Amino acid sequence: MKANDSAVLAIRVHPQDNVAVVAADVPAGSAVRLDDGTSLRAVEAITRGNKVALRPVARGEAVIRYGEEIGTATGDIAAGQHVHTHNVRRGE
């Protein structure tokens, strides 16, 4: 998807991250533009400050933010999907 000016900004902290944080509320179906200029489509609504999956994350796969594992996907997560406690188990 090509980025456009009306897309909501999301910030990827580390190149290995498979999630980014959205800087504003994102309605379902809206474009999300990463700080590197690439973009993707949100498959569901995501509230400001929450994470969006940048690529598909399989059940059991690590969720990476800041270049570090922050949890494990409890089910398959699609690119553009909201990533939060409903689909990630935090490491103990």
Protein backbone atom coordinates (compact mmCIF):
# COMPACT_ATOMS: atom_id res chain seq x y z
CA MET A 1 0.00 0.00 0.00
CA LYS A 2 1.30 3.43 -0.82
CA ALA A 3 1.36 5.92 2.06
CA ASN A 4 -0.82 9.04 1.90
CA ASP A 5 -1.14 12.22 3.94
CA SER A 6 -4.43 11.18 5.59
CA ALA A 7 -2.97 7.99 7.06
CA VAL A 8 -2.50 7.70 10.81
CA LEU A 9 1.13 7.62 11.90
CA ALA A 10 2.54 4.57 13.68
CA ILE A 11 6.01 4.34 15.15
CA ARG A 12 8.25 1.29 14.88
CA VAL A 13 10.98 1.62 17.51
CA HIS A 14 13.39 -1.07 16.25
CA PRO A 15 13.87 -2.60 12.77
CA GLN A 16 13.11 -6.10 14.14
CA ASP A 17 9.77 -5.06 15.69
CA ASN A 18 6.70 -6.84 14.32
CA VAL A 19 4.39 -4.25 15.95
CA ALA A 20 4.21 -0.45 15.92
CA VAL A 21 2.40 2.03 18.18
CA VAL A 22 -0.31 4.19 16.60
CA ALA A 23 -0.17 7.93 17.37
CA ALA A 24 -3.94 8.51 16.99
CA ASP A 25 -7.16 6.52 16.98
CA VAL A 26 -7.39 4.36 13.86
CA PRO A 27 -10.80 3.40 12.45
CA ALA A 28 -11.12 -0.07 10.93
CA GLY A 29 -10.05 -0.06 7.28
CA SER A 30 -7.92 3.08 7.62
CA ALA A 31 -4.38 3.45 6.37
CA VAL A 32 -1.61 3.37 8.94
CA ARG A 33 1.63 5.04 7.82
CA LEU A 34 4.88 4.00 9.47
CA ASP A 35 7.59 6.52 10.21
CA ASP A 36 9.68 4.92 7.43
CA GLY A 37 7.04 5.89 4.84
CA THR A 38 5.53 2.41 4.31
CA SER A 39 1.92 1.76 5.22
CA LEU A 40 -0.66 -0.93 5.87
CA ARG A 41 -4.42 -1.12 6.36
CA ALA A 42 -5.90 -1.52 9.86
CA VAL A 43 -8.24 -4.52 9.87
CA GLU A 44 -9.99 -3.31 13.04
CA ALA A 45 -10.21 -0.15 15.11
CA ILE A 46 -7.11 0.60 17.22
CA THR A 47 -7.02 3.28 19.89
CA ARG A 48 -4.16 5.76 20.21
CA GLY A 49 -1.13 4.37 22.02
CA ASN A 50 -1.94 0.75 21.19
CA LYS A 51 -0.04 -1.60 18.90
CA VAL A 52 -0.73 -2.70 15.34
CA ALA A 53 0.77 -5.85 13.81
CA LEU A 54 3.12 -4.96 10.95
CA ARG A 55 3.05 -8.46 9.48
CA PRO A 56 1.26 -11.73 10.27
CA VAL A 57 2.30 -13.18 13.64
CA ALA A 58 1.55 -16.88 14.10
CA ARG A 59 0.16 -18.38 17.28
CA GLY A 60 3.09 -19.07 19.63
CA GLU A 61 5.39 -16.60 17.86
CA ALA A 62 7.12 -13.82 19.79
CA VAL A 63 5.67 -10.33 19.65
CA ILE A 64 8.63 -7.96 19.28
CA ARG A 65 8.75 -4.31 20.39
CA TYR A 66 11.91 -2.29 21.13
CA GLY A 67 13.75 -5.19 19.48
CA GLU A 68 12.79 -7.38 22.46
CA GLU A 69 10.16 -10.05 23.03
CA ILE A 70 7.23 -8.52 24.95
CA GLY A 71 4.99 -11.59 24.80
CA THR A 72 3.71 -14.50 22.74
CA ALA A 73 0.77 -14.51 20.32
CA THR A 74 -2.10 -16.56 21.78
CA GLY A 75 -3.63 -16.94 18.32
CA ASP A 76 -2.80 -15.97 14.76
CA ILE A 77 -2.56 -12.18 14.38
CA ALA A 78 -3.06 -10.66 10.94
CA ALA A 79 -1.08 -7.71 9.60
CA GLY A 80 -3.04 -4.58 10.53
CA GLN A 81 -4.70 -6.20 13.55
CA HIS A 82 -4.80 -4.64 17.03
CA VAL A 83 -2.18 -6.27 19.29
CA HIS A 84 -2.99 -6.21 23.01
CA THR A 85 -3.79 -8.45 25.98
CA HIS A 86 -6.62 -10.18 24.09
CA ASN A 87 -4.15 -11.83 21.70
CA VAL A 88 -0.77 -11.69 23.50
CA ARG A 89 0.41 -13.50 26.63
CA ARG A 90 3.15 -11.64 28.44
CA GLY A 91 6.24 -13.56 29.50
CA GLU A 92 6.52 -14.50 33.16
